[in-house]
Amino acid sequence: MKLFSLSVLHKATNKANLLKAAYDLSSFSFFQRASVQEFMTFTSALIVERSSHGSRSSVKEQEYLCHVYVRNDSLSAVVIADSEYPQRVCFSLLEKVLDEFSKQVDSIDWPSGSPDTIHYTALDSYLAKYQNPREADALSKVQAELDETKIILHNTMESLLERGEKLDDLVQKSDQLGNTSKAFYKTARKQNSCCEVM
């Protein structure tokens, strides 16, 4: 599970304007990084342009999933992740980023802003924090803990059942031993009765 790009854009009537972006391209070779970053920037803008106001959607592009959230005030965010990354965590990240961005950057600067003029530095830290969705998202963390508890409980139940089967075997063997010892006692008593001393 990996996040590659996190972008904040402004959706104008016919064009999307990139305001700020953060990238994690460490999984690509050094020589591919510039073109991959350019592709992700272009794809993010294109998806925002084609999305309607007040919408959330996910678009599959090759082995990547692009999650977009366009608010009614035209502020938009896009996260590009691999296909294994949980969709719910992506949309909670987008909502959190847009809320914080709108509080720190004045809406007057959105239409004409650019990555050089917008002063918002939290994207890199969000991109790093959300690389592990279980640590970043409380619900995912609780779900992971529940899954671990379920596995432990399942293993404990299996061991109890195995122990119960072993106890059943011991009880059955003790019953057989009891029957055998009763038969031995009766046989010994019969044999000893013929040899009574007078």
Protein backbone atom coordinates (compact mmCIF):
# COMPACT_ATOMS: atom_id res chain seq x y z
CA MET A 1 0.00 0.00 0.00
CA LYS A 2 1.48 3.29 -1.08
CA LEU A 3 0.56 6.91 -1.72
CA PHE A 4 2.42 8.57 -4.59
CA SER A 5 0.91 12.03 -4.90
CA LEU A 6 -1.22 14.47 -2.94
CA SER A 7 -2.37 17.63 -4.72
CA VAL A 8 -4.56 20.63 -3.93
CA LEU A 9 -6.13 22.37 -6.93
CA HIS A 10 -8.65 25.06 -7.73
CA LYS A 11 -11.35 24.13 -10.26
CA ALA A 12 -12.09 27.04 -12.57
CA THR A 13 -14.85 26.94 -15.21
CA ASN A 14 -12.76 25.21 -17.86
CA LYS A 15 -9.39 24.54 -16.19
CA ALA A 16 -7.92 23.22 -12.95
CA ASN A 17 -5.15 25.26 -11.35
CA LEU A 18 -2.51 23.44 -9.25
CA LEU A 19 -2.04 25.20 -5.91
CA LYS A 20 0.24 22.82 -4.03
CA ALA A 21 1.46 19.23 -4.39
CA ALA A 22 3.60 16.63 -2.65
CA TYR A 23 5.08 13.51 -4.20
CA ASP A 24 6.69 10.30 -2.99
CA LEU A 25 8.44 8.89 -6.03
CA SER A 26 11.05 6.81 -4.19
CA SER A 27 9.72 3.60 -5.74
CA PHE A 28 10.60 4.87 -9.25
CA SER A 29 14.09 5.02 -10.72
CA PHE A 30 15.85 8.37 -10.56
CA PHE A 31 15.58 8.93 -14.30
CA GLN A 32 11.82 8.26 -14.37
CA ARG A 33 10.85 10.54 -11.49
CA ALA A 34 10.50 13.80 -13.44
CA SER A 35 8.24 12.29 -16.09
CA VAL A 36 6.20 10.35 -13.48
CA GLN A 37 5.69 13.56 -11.48
CA GLU A 38 4.64 15.41 -14.63
CA PHE A 39 2.20 12.61 -15.49
CA MET A 40 0.69 12.67 -11.98
CA THR A 41 0.30 16.46 -12.09
CA PHE A 42 -1.39 16.30 -15.50
CA THR A 43 -3.67 13.43 -14.44
CA SER A 44 -4.69 15.22 -11.23
CA ALA A 45 -5.63 18.38 -13.12
CA LEU A 46 -7.52 16.42 -15.78
CA ILE A 47 -9.55 14.48 -13.21
CA VAL A 48 -10.50 17.68 -11.35
CA GLU A 49 -11.52 19.37 -14.62
CA ARG A 50 -13.84 16.49 -15.48
CA SER A 51 -15.36 16.12 -12.01
CA SER A 52 -18.41 18.06 -10.93
CA HIS A 53 -18.59 20.35 -7.90
CA GLY A 54 -19.45 18.63 -4.62
CA SER A 55 -18.34 15.19 -5.80
CA ARG A 56 -16.01 12.45 -4.69
CA SER A 57 -14.85 9.80 -7.10
CA SER A 58 -12.12 7.30 -7.85
CA VAL A 59 -10.56 6.76 -11.25
CA LYS A 60 -8.40 3.80 -12.19
CA GLU A 61 -5.39 4.65 -14.34
CA GLN A 62 -3.22 1.61 -15.13
CA GLU A 63 -2.27 0.12 -11.74
CA TYR A 64 -3.03 3.36 -9.85
CA LEU A 65 -6.21 4.70 -8.29
CA CYS A 66 -6.78 8.44 -8.39
CA HIS A 67 -9.17 9.64 -5.68
CA VAL A 68 -10.61 13.12 -6.16
CA TYR A 69 -12.73 15.38 -3.98
CA VAL A 70 -14.10 18.59 -5.49
CA ARG A 71 -15.84 20.82 -2.97
CA ASN A 72 -18.67 23.20 -3.82
CA ASP A 73 -16.32 26.19 -3.33
CA SER A 74 -14.11 24.82 -6.20
CA LEU A 75 -11.28 23.77 -3.89
CA SER A 76 -10.19 20.27 -4.89
CA ALA A 77 -7.74 17.60 -3.85
CA VAL A 78 -6.41 14.49 -5.54
CA VAL A 79 -4.47 11.59 -4.07
CA ILE A 80 -2.85 8.97 -6.29
CA ALA A 81 -2.34 5.61 -4.63
CA ASP A 82 -1.80 2.00 -5.59
CA SER A 83 -4.88 -0.18 -5.94
CA GLU A 84 -4.42 -1.82 -2.51
CA TYR A 85 -4.70 1.42 -0.52
CA PRO A 86 -8.07 1.73 1.31
CA GLN A 87 -10.43 4.14 -0.43
CA ARG A 88 -12.06 5.35 2.78
CA VAL A 89 -8.69 6.43 4.20
CA CYS A 90 -7.93 8.36 0.99
CA PHE A 91 -11.15 10.33 1.19
CA SER A 92 -10.68 11.11 4.88
CA LEU A 93 -7.17 12.39 4.02
CA LEU A 94 -8.56 14.57 1.20
CA GLU A 95 -11.23 16.04 3.45
CA LYS A 96 -8.74 16.77 6.21
CA VAL A 97 -6.27 18.41 3.80
CA LEU A 98 -8.94 20.58 2.17
CA ASP A 99 -10.35 21.73 5.53
CA GLU A 100 -6.91 22.68 6.80
CA PHE A 101 -5.88 24.30 3.49
CA SER A 102 -9.03 26.46 3.38
CA LYS A 103 -8.32 27.69 6.92
CA GLN A 104 -4.66 28.56 6.22
CA VAL A 105 -4.89 29.93 2.66
CA ASP A 106 -7.29 32.75 1.85
CA SER A 107 -9.87 31.91 -0.84
CA ILE A 108 -8.90 35.07 -2.77
CA ASP A 109 -5.57 33.41 -3.58
CA TRP A 110 -7.07 30.18 -4.96
CA PRO A 111 -7.89 31.23 -8.55
CA SER A 112 -4.51 32.84 -9.25
CA GLY A 113 -2.30 30.80 -6.92
CA SER A 114 0.58 28.52 -7.89
CA PRO A 115 2.84 26.14 -5.97
CA ASP A 116 5.41 28.94 -5.64
CA THR A 117 3.01 31.57 -4.28
CA ILE A 118 0.87 29.41 -1.96
CA HIS A 119 2.37 29.00 1.50
CA TYR A 120 1.08 25.67 2.80
CA THR A 121 3.62 23.12 3.97
CA ALA A 122 1.54 20.31 5.48
CA LEU A 123 1.17 18.18 2.31
CA ASP A 124 4.57 16.49 2.67
CA SER A 125 3.89 15.55 6.29
CA TYR A 126 0.41 14.22 5.43
CA LEU A 127 1.84 12.19 2.56
CA ALA A 128 4.45 10.67 4.90
CA LYS A 129 1.99 10.08 7.76
CA TYR A 130 -0.63 8.38 5.60
CA GLN A 131 1.83 5.94 3.95
CA ASN A 132 0.70 3.47 6.60
CA PRO A 133 -3.11 3.71 6.66
CA ARG A 134 -3.39 1.73 9.89
CA GLU A 135 -1.31 4.26 11.79
CA ALA A 136 -2.87 7.35 10.22
CA ASP A 137 -6.53 6.38 10.39
CA ALA A 138 -8.04 5.45 13.74
CA LEU A 139 -10.76 3.25 12.25
CA SER A 140 -8.23 1.26 10.21
CA LYS A 141 -6.10 0.85 13.31
CA VAL A 142 -9.05 -0.48 15.32
CA GLN A 143 -9.98 -2.82 12.44
CA ALA A 144 -6.42 -4.18 12.32
CA GLU A 145 -6.45 -4.75 16.09
CA LEU A 146 -9.80 -6.54 15.82
CA ASP A 147 -8.43 -8.76 13.05
CA GLU A 148 -5.41 -9.64 15.19
CA THR A 149 -7.65 -10.39 18.19
CA LYS A 150 -9.86 -12.57 16.00
CA ILE A 151 -6.84 -14.56 14.82
CA ILE A 152 -5.60 -15.02 18.40
CA LEU A 153 -9.08 -16.06 19.56
CA HIS A 154 -9.39 -18.49 16.65
CA ASN A 155 -6.01 -20.05 17.50
CA THR A 156 -7.00 -20.27 21.17
CA MET A 157 -10.27 -21.97 20.28
CA GLU A 158 -8.44 -24.46 18.07
CA SER A 159 -5.99 -25.28 20.84
CA LEU A 160 -8.88 -25.69 23.30
CA LEU A 161 -10.65 -28.02 20.89
CA GLU A 162 -7.45 -30.03 20.44
CA ARG A 163 -7.04 -30.16 24.21
CA GLY A 164 -10.68 -31.21 24.55
CA GLU A 165 -10.16 -33.97 21.98
CA LYS A 166 -7.12 -35.16 23.92
CA LEU A 167 -9.10 -35.13 27.16
CA ASP A 168 -11.86 -37.12 25.48
CA ASP A 169 -9.26 -39.66 24.37
CA LEU A 170 -7.93 -39.89 27.96
CA VAL A 171 -11.44 -40.38 29.37
CA GLN A 172 -12.13 -43.08 26.80
CA LYS A 173 -8.83 -44.79 27.64
CA SER A 174 -9.55 -44.57 31.36
CA ASP A 175 -12.98 -46.13 30.76
CA GLN A 176 -11.29 -48.93 28.80
CA LEU A 177 -8.70 -49.26 31.56
CA GLY A 178 -11.46 -49.39 34.17
CA ASN A 179 -13.27 -52.13 32.24
CA THR A 180 -10.02 -54.05 31.74
CA SER A 181 -9.10 -53.76 35.42
CA LYS A 182 -12.60 -54.96 36.44
CA ALA A 183 -12.25 -57.97 34.13
CA PHE A 184 -8.78 -58.66 35.58
CA TYR A 185 -10.16 -58.47 39.14
CA LYS A 186 -12.99 -60.90 38.34
CA THR A 187 -10.62 -63.32 36.61
CA ALA A 188 -8.16 -63.16 39.50
CA ARG A 189 -10.92 -63.72 42.02
CA LYS A 190 -12.16 -66.78 40.12
CA GLN A 191 -8.71 -68.26 39.93
CA ASN A 192 -8.00 -67.56 43.56
CA SER A 193 -11.31 -69.12 44.63
CA CYS A 194 -10.31 -72.55 43.31
CA CYS A 195 -7.18 -72.52 45.40
CA GLU A 196 -8.64 -71.75 48.78
CA VAL A 197 -6.72 -73.07 51.73
CA MET A 198 -8.68 -74.99 54.29
